[in-house]
Amino acid sequence: MALLLVDVINEFAFPDAPALLQRALPMARALQRLKQRAKGAGVPVVYVNDNFGRWRSDFNAIVRHCARRDGRGRHVVQLLRPEADDYFVLKPKHSGFYESSLGVLLDHLGVRRLIVTGLTTPQCVLFTAGDAYMRDFELVIPRDCVAASDAGQHRQALTFMSRFFAADIRPSTHLALRRLRRR
């Protein structure tokens, strides 16, 4: 099992960013707690992040850029700042799997179950979950650890992933990580 954090290191430089930030901050708090629990249960943490079109960028540079004092996303980044033992994969498009090393990393880690979290539910989370489902991963998508700028689209995407990808969408507080890891 692995915990994926999709696009949580984010500069929020797009038109509906204010609406997303309202939902992203509570999501980031829940995800911070889930990440701590996952680490305690020995679950690897993988940041799967947009490269913002900066093909020569590295993940640490993206973190620094998004955490800057005047950055819209700084509060989310402060809550979810990567740690030295976390993994990261830069992705060029919506899905964390498309043209990235995510599949190779998960295979190396021996992972068959994914906890997919992050931003945004009807876009990058949905596309990553869809690609994971097509690769036969079992999916857990805690509804309190994903967010979207539009509440209706958030609910629709969660319903879709539950119905068509057999995703477990219980809140993160209801996940028994050690039991899920053993299963």
C-alpha atoms as a PDB file:
ATOM      1  CA  MET A   1       0.000   0.000   0.000  1.00  0.00           C
ATOM      2  CA  ALA A   2       1.116   3.573  -0.659  1.00  0.00           C
ATOM      3  CA  LEU A   3      -0.297   7.010   0.083  1.00  0.00           C
ATOM      4  CA  LEU A   4      -0.368   9.262  -3.004  1.00  0.00           C
ATOM      5  CA  LEU A   5      -0.588  13.033  -2.521  1.00  0.00           C
ATOM      6  CA  VAL A   6      -1.647  14.450  -5.888  1.00  0.00           C
ATOM      7  CA  ASP A   7      -0.839  18.103  -6.679  1.00  0.00           C
ATOM      8  CA  VAL A   8      -0.854  19.278  -3.049  1.00  0.00           C
ATOM      9  CA  ILE A   9       2.297  21.311  -3.640  1.00  0.00           C
ATOM     10  CA  ASN A  10       0.511  23.968  -5.599  1.00  0.00           C
ATOM     11  CA  GLU A  11       0.829  27.666  -6.296  1.00  0.00           C
ATOM     12  CA  PHE A  12      -2.954  28.079  -6.812  1.00  0.00           C
ATOM     13  CA  ALA A  13      -2.385  30.380  -9.791  1.00  0.00           C
ATOM     14  CA  PHE A  14      -5.595  29.806 -11.736  1.00  0.00           C
ATOM     15  CA  PRO A  15      -9.030  31.495 -11.905  1.00  0.00           C
ATOM     16  CA  ASP A  16     -10.948  29.317  -9.423  1.00  0.00           C
ATOM     17  CA  ALA A  17      -8.067  29.139  -6.921  1.00  0.00           C
ATOM     18  CA  PRO A  18      -9.869  31.125  -4.171  1.00  0.00           C
ATOM     19  CA  ALA A  19     -12.792  28.675  -4.201  1.00  0.00           C
ATOM     20  CA  LEU A  20     -10.427  25.697  -4.206  1.00  0.00           C
ATOM     21  CA  LEU A  21      -8.330  27.121  -1.369  1.00  0.00           C
ATOM     22  CA  GLN A  22     -11.428  27.294   0.855  1.00  0.00           C
ATOM     23  CA  ARG A  23     -11.792  23.526   0.487  1.00  0.00           C
ATOM     24  CA  ALA A  24      -8.084  22.704   0.201  1.00  0.00           C
ATOM     25  CA  LEU A  25      -7.137  23.960   3.667  1.00  0.00           C
ATOM     26  CA  PRO A  26      -9.513  21.631   5.583  1.00  0.00           C
ATOM     27  CA  MET A  27      -8.470  18.828   3.214  1.00  0.00           C
ATOM     28  CA  ALA A  28      -4.797  19.550   3.934  1.00  0.00           C
ATOM     29  CA  ARG A  29      -5.388  19.335   7.699  1.00  0.00           C
ATOM     30  CA  ALA A  30      -7.103  15.942   7.343  1.00  0.00           C
ATOM     31  CA  LEU A  31      -4.394  14.774   4.948  1.00  0.00           C
ATOM     32  CA  GLN A  32      -1.632  15.879   7.311  1.00  0.00           C
ATOM     33  CA  ARG A  33      -3.138  13.641  10.017  1.00  0.00           C
ATOM     34  CA  LEU A  34      -3.556  10.748   7.554  1.00  0.00           C
ATOM     35  CA  LYS A  35       0.043  11.136   6.386  1.00  0.00           C
ATOM     36  CA  GLN A  36       1.299  10.922   9.993  1.00  0.00           C
ATOM     37  CA  ARG A  37      -0.787   7.798  10.590  1.00  0.00           C
ATOM     38  CA  ALA A  38       0.424   6.253   7.322  1.00  0.00           C
ATOM     39  CA  LYS A  39       4.057   6.827   8.234  1.00  0.00           C
ATOM     40  CA  GLY A  40       3.415   5.278  11.643  1.00  0.00           C
ATOM     41  CA  ALA A  41       1.960   2.209   9.909  1.00  0.00           C
ATOM     42  CA  GLY A  42       4.950   1.908   7.576  1.00  0.00           C
ATOM     43  CA  VAL A  43       3.049   3.063   4.473  1.00  0.00           C
ATOM     44  CA  PRO A  44       5.254   4.833   1.894  1.00  0.00           C
ATOM     45  CA  VAL A  45       4.233   8.389   0.992  1.00  0.00           C
ATOM     46  CA  VAL A  46       4.481   9.489  -2.645  1.00  0.00           C
ATOM     47  CA  TYR A  47       3.983  13.050  -3.813  1.00  0.00           C
ATOM     48  CA  VAL A  48       2.674  13.034  -7.381  1.00  0.00           C
ATOM     49  CA  ASN A  49       2.878  16.609  -8.511  1.00  0.00           C
ATOM     50  CA  ASP A  50       2.358  18.781 -11.523  1.00  0.00           C
ATOM     51  CA  ASN A  51       5.559  20.211 -12.912  1.00  0.00           C
ATOM     52  CA  PHE A  52       3.739  23.434 -13.949  1.00  0.00           C
ATOM     53  CA  GLY A  53       5.284  23.194 -17.404  1.00  0.00           C
ATOM     54  CA  ARG A  54       8.788  23.735 -16.012  1.00  0.00           C
ATOM     55  CA  TRP A  55      10.538  20.838 -17.711  1.00  0.00           C
ATOM     56  CA  ARG A  56      13.853  21.584 -16.010  1.00  0.00           C
ATOM     57  CA  SER A  57      12.346  21.972 -12.570  1.00  0.00           C
ATOM     58  CA  ASP A  58      12.882  19.692  -9.628  1.00  0.00           C
ATOM     59  CA  PHE A  59      10.513  18.882  -6.824  1.00  0.00           C
ATOM     60  CA  ASN A  60      12.420  20.840  -4.171  1.00  0.00           C
ATOM     61  CA  ALA A  61      12.325  23.925  -6.391  1.00  0.00           C
ATOM     62  CA  ILE A  62       8.552  23.526  -6.787  1.00  0.00           C
ATOM     63  CA  VAL A  63       8.120  23.206  -3.005  1.00  0.00           C
ATOM     64  CA  ARG A  64      10.187  26.344  -2.413  1.00  0.00           C
ATOM     65  CA  HIS A  65       8.278  28.249  -5.096  1.00  0.00           C
ATOM     66  CA  CYS A  66       4.838  27.273  -3.751  1.00  0.00           C
ATOM     67  CA  ALA A  67       5.816  27.876  -0.100  1.00  0.00           C
ATOM     68  CA  ARG A  68       7.082  31.424  -0.664  1.00  0.00           C
ATOM     69  CA  ARG A  69       5.709  34.035   1.702  1.00  0.00           C
ATOM     70  CA  ASP A  70       3.502  35.721  -0.934  1.00  0.00           C
ATOM     71  CA  GLY A  71       2.292  32.426  -2.454  1.00  0.00           C
ATOM     72  CA  ARG A  72      -1.417  31.580  -2.371  1.00  0.00           C
ATOM     73  CA  GLY A  73      -0.670  27.926  -1.645  1.00  0.00           C
ATOM     74  CA  ARG A  74       1.816  28.489   1.176  1.00  0.00           C
ATOM     75  CA  HIS A  75      -0.549  27.367   3.958  1.00  0.00           C
ATOM     76  CA  VAL A  76      -1.314  24.070   2.211  1.00  0.00           C
ATOM     77  CA  VAL A  77       2.403  23.532   1.511  1.00  0.00           C
ATOM     78  CA  GLN A  78       3.285  24.271   5.145  1.00  0.00           C
ATOM     79  CA  LEU A  79       0.832  21.603   6.302  1.00  0.00           C
ATOM     80  CA  LEU A  80       1.957  19.022   3.746  1.00  0.00           C
ATOM     81  CA  ARG A  81       5.634  19.791   3.247  1.00  0.00           C
ATOM     82  CA  PRO A  82       7.459  16.654   2.071  1.00  0.00           C
ATOM     83  CA  GLU A  83       9.859  14.916   4.440  1.00  0.00           C
ATOM     84  CA  ALA A  84      13.251  13.448   3.566  1.00  0.00           C
ATOM     85  CA  ASP A  85      11.931   9.866   3.386  1.00  0.00           C
ATOM     86  CA  ASP A  86       8.974  10.690   1.125  1.00  0.00           C
ATOM     87  CA  TYR A  87       9.022   9.818  -2.562  1.00  0.00           C
ATOM     88  CA  PHE A  88       8.070  12.184  -5.363  1.00  0.00           C
ATOM     89  CA  VAL A  89       7.106  11.907  -8.996  1.00  0.00           C
ATOM     90  CA  LEU A  90       6.652  14.883 -11.309  1.00  0.00           C
ATOM     91  CA  LYS A  91       3.801  14.471 -13.775  1.00  0.00           C
ATOM     92  CA  PRO A  92       3.289  16.391 -17.014  1.00  0.00           C
ATOM     93  CA  LYS A  93      -0.485  15.906 -17.339  1.00  0.00           C
ATOM     94  CA  HIS A  94      -3.588  15.106 -15.293  1.00  0.00           C
ATOM     95  CA  SER A  95      -2.865  11.472 -14.444  1.00  0.00           C
ATOM     96  CA  GLY A  96      -0.006  10.660 -12.127  1.00  0.00           C
ATOM     97  CA  PHE A  97       0.728   7.636 -14.311  1.00  0.00           C
ATOM     98  CA  TYR A  98       0.826   9.306 -17.723  1.00  0.00           C
ATOM     99  CA  GLU A  99       4.432   9.649 -18.955  1.00  0.00           C
ATOM    100  CA  SER A 100       5.807   9.475 -15.395  1.00  0.00           C
ATOM    101  CA  SER A 101       7.804   7.006 -13.328  1.00  0.00           C
ATOM    102  CA  LEU A 102       4.935   6.364 -10.887  1.00  0.00           C
ATOM    103  CA  GLY A 103       4.187   2.843 -12.125  1.00  0.00           C
ATOM    104  CA  VAL A 104       7.851   1.824 -11.918  1.00  0.00           C
ATOM    105  CA  LEU A 105       8.139   3.235  -8.380  1.00  0.00           C
ATOM    106  CA  LEU A 106       4.986   1.475  -7.165  1.00  0.00           C
ATOM    107  CA  ASP A 107       6.183  -1.793  -8.694  1.00  0.00           C
ATOM    108  CA  HIS A 108       9.551  -1.357  -6.958  1.00  0.00           C
ATOM    109  CA  LEU A 109       7.729  -0.787  -3.638  1.00  0.00           C
ATOM    110  CA  GLY A 110       5.527  -3.859  -4.205  1.00  0.00           C
ATOM    111  CA  VAL A 111       2.332  -1.816  -3.938  1.00  0.00           C
ATOM    112  CA  ARG A 112      -1.089  -3.144  -5.000  1.00  0.00           C
ATOM    113  CA  ARG A 113      -3.353  -0.803  -2.997  1.00  0.00           C
ATOM    114  CA  LEU A 114      -3.316   2.988  -3.264  1.00  0.00           C
ATOM    115  CA  ILE A 115      -4.710   5.673  -1.033  1.00  0.00           C
ATOM    116  CA  VAL A 116      -5.227   8.502  -3.515  1.00  0.00           C
ATOM    117  CA  THR A 117      -5.540  11.994  -2.038  1.00  0.00           C
ATOM    118  CA  GLY A 118      -5.104  15.593  -3.126  1.00  0.00           C
ATOM    119  CA  LEU A 119      -6.265  18.056  -5.743  1.00  0.00           C
ATOM    120  CA  THR A 120      -8.605  18.177  -7.592  1.00  0.00           C
ATOM    121  CA  THR A 121     -11.219  15.488  -7.230  1.00  0.00           C
ATOM    122  CA  PRO A 122     -12.823  15.769 -10.709  1.00  0.00           C
ATOM    123  CA  GLN A 123      -9.539  16.208 -12.533  1.00  0.00           C
ATOM    124  CA  CYS A 124      -6.102  14.946 -11.462  1.00  0.00           C
ATOM    125  CA  VAL A 125      -7.400  12.702  -8.658  1.00  0.00           C
ATOM    126  CA  LEU A 126     -10.001  11.168 -10.995  1.00  0.00           C
ATOM    127  CA  PHE A 127      -7.531  10.654 -13.853  1.00  0.00           C
ATOM    128  CA  THR A 128      -4.892   9.153 -11.537  1.00  0.00           C
ATOM    129  CA  ALA A 129      -7.482   6.859  -9.929  1.00  0.00           C
ATOM    130  CA  GLY A 130      -8.767   5.789 -13.354  1.00  0.00           C
ATOM    131  CA  ASP A 131      -5.292   4.879 -14.540  1.00  0.00           C
ATOM    132  CA  ALA A 132      -4.618   3.064 -11.252  1.00  0.00           C
ATOM    133  CA  TYR A 133      -7.856   1.096 -11.634  1.00  0.00           C
ATOM    134  CA  MET A 134      -6.892   0.078 -15.191  1.00  0.00           C
ATOM    135  CA  ARG A 135      -3.589  -1.188 -13.727  1.00  0.00           C
ATOM    136  CA  ASP A 136      -5.497  -3.351 -11.207  1.00  0.00           C
ATOM    137  CA  PHE A 137      -4.672  -1.338  -8.079  1.00  0.00           C
ATOM    138  CA  GLU A 138      -7.168  -1.439  -5.231  1.00  0.00           C
ATOM    139  CA  LEU A 139      -8.270   2.107  -4.456  1.00  0.00           C
ATOM    140  CA  VAL A 140      -8.979   4.024  -1.293  1.00  0.00           C
ATOM    141  CA  ILE A 141      -9.925   7.676  -1.846  1.00  0.00           C
ATOM    142  CA  PRO A 142     -10.794   9.217   1.532  1.00  0.00           C
ATOM    143  CA  ARG A 143     -13.433  11.836   0.807  1.00  0.00           C
ATOM    144  CA  ASP A 144     -12.016  14.247   3.382  1.00  0.00           C
ATOM    145  CA  CYS A 145      -8.541  14.099   1.800  1.00  0.00           C
ATOM    146  CA  VAL A 146      -9.497  15.253  -1.692  1.00  0.00           C
ATOM    147  CA  ALA A 147     -10.910  18.621  -2.725  1.00  0.00           C
ATOM    148  CA  ALA A 148     -12.319  20.559  -5.657  1.00  0.00           C
ATOM    149  CA  SER A 149     -13.398  24.142  -6.212  1.00  0.00           C
ATOM    150  CA  ASP A 150     -16.987  23.030  -6.848  1.00  0.00           C
ATOM    151  CA  ALA A 151     -18.710  20.923  -4.169  1.00  0.00           C
ATOM    152  CA  GLY A 152     -21.099  19.299  -6.669  1.00  0.00           C
ATOM    153  CA  GLN A 153     -18.303  18.203  -8.984  1.00  0.00           C
ATOM    154  CA  HIS A 154     -16.398  16.893  -5.948  1.00  0.00           C
ATOM    155  CA  ARG A 155     -19.355  14.709  -4.919  1.00  0.00           C
ATOM    156  CA  GLN A 156     -19.960  13.531  -8.503  1.00  0.00           C
ATOM    157  CA  ALA A 157     -16.332  12.505  -8.947  1.00  0.00           C
ATOM    158  CA  LEU A 158     -16.314  10.610  -5.641  1.00  0.00           C
ATOM    159  CA  THR A 159     -19.546   8.817  -6.556  1.00  0.00           C
ATOM    160  CA  PHE A 160     -18.112   7.937  -9.967  1.00  0.00           C
ATOM    161  CA  MET A 161     -14.873   6.547  -8.490  1.00  0.00           C
ATOM    162  CA  SER A 162     -16.783   4.549  -5.897  1.00  0.00           C
ATOM    163  CA  ARG A 163     -19.173   3.086  -8.446  1.00  0.00           C
ATOM    164  CA  PHE A 164     -16.892   2.480 -11.426  1.00  0.00           C
ATOM    165  CA  PHE A 165     -13.451   2.035  -9.834  1.00  0.00           C
ATOM    166  CA  ALA A 166     -14.665   0.171  -6.707  1.00  0.00           C
ATOM    167  CA  ALA A 167     -12.950   2.878  -4.611  1.00  0.00           C
ATOM    168  CA  ASP A 168     -13.435   2.980  -0.861  1.00  0.00           C
ATOM    169  CA  ILE A 169     -14.392   6.623  -0.190  1.00  0.00           C
ATOM    170  CA  ARG A 170     -14.776   6.483   3.592  1.00  0.00           C
ATOM    171  CA  PRO A 171     -13.338   9.426   5.545  1.00  0.00           C
ATOM    172  CA  SER A 172      -9.696   9.052   6.524  1.00  0.00           C
ATOM    173  CA  THR A 173     -10.620   8.748  10.203  1.00  0.00           C
ATOM    174  CA  HIS A 174     -12.382   5.458   9.394  1.00  0.00           C
ATOM    175  CA  LEU A 175      -9.354   3.817   7.766  1.00  0.00           C
ATOM    176  CA  ALA A 176      -7.519   1.137   9.735  1.00  0.00           C
ATOM    177  CA  LEU A 177      -4.178   1.567   7.977  1.00  0.00           C
ATOM    178  CA  ARG A 178      -2.334  -1.331   9.564  1.00  0.00           C
ATOM    179  CA  ARG A 179      -5.179  -3.712   8.653  1.00  0.00           C
ATOM    180  CA  LEU A 180      -5.404  -2.314   5.099  1.00  0.00           C
ATOM    181  CA  ARG A 181      -1.645  -2.693   4.720  1.00  0.00           C
ATOM    182  CA  ARG A 182      -1.727  -6.369   5.760  1.00  0.00           C
ATOM    183  CA  ARG A 183      -4.701  -7.276   3.559  1.00  0.00           C
END
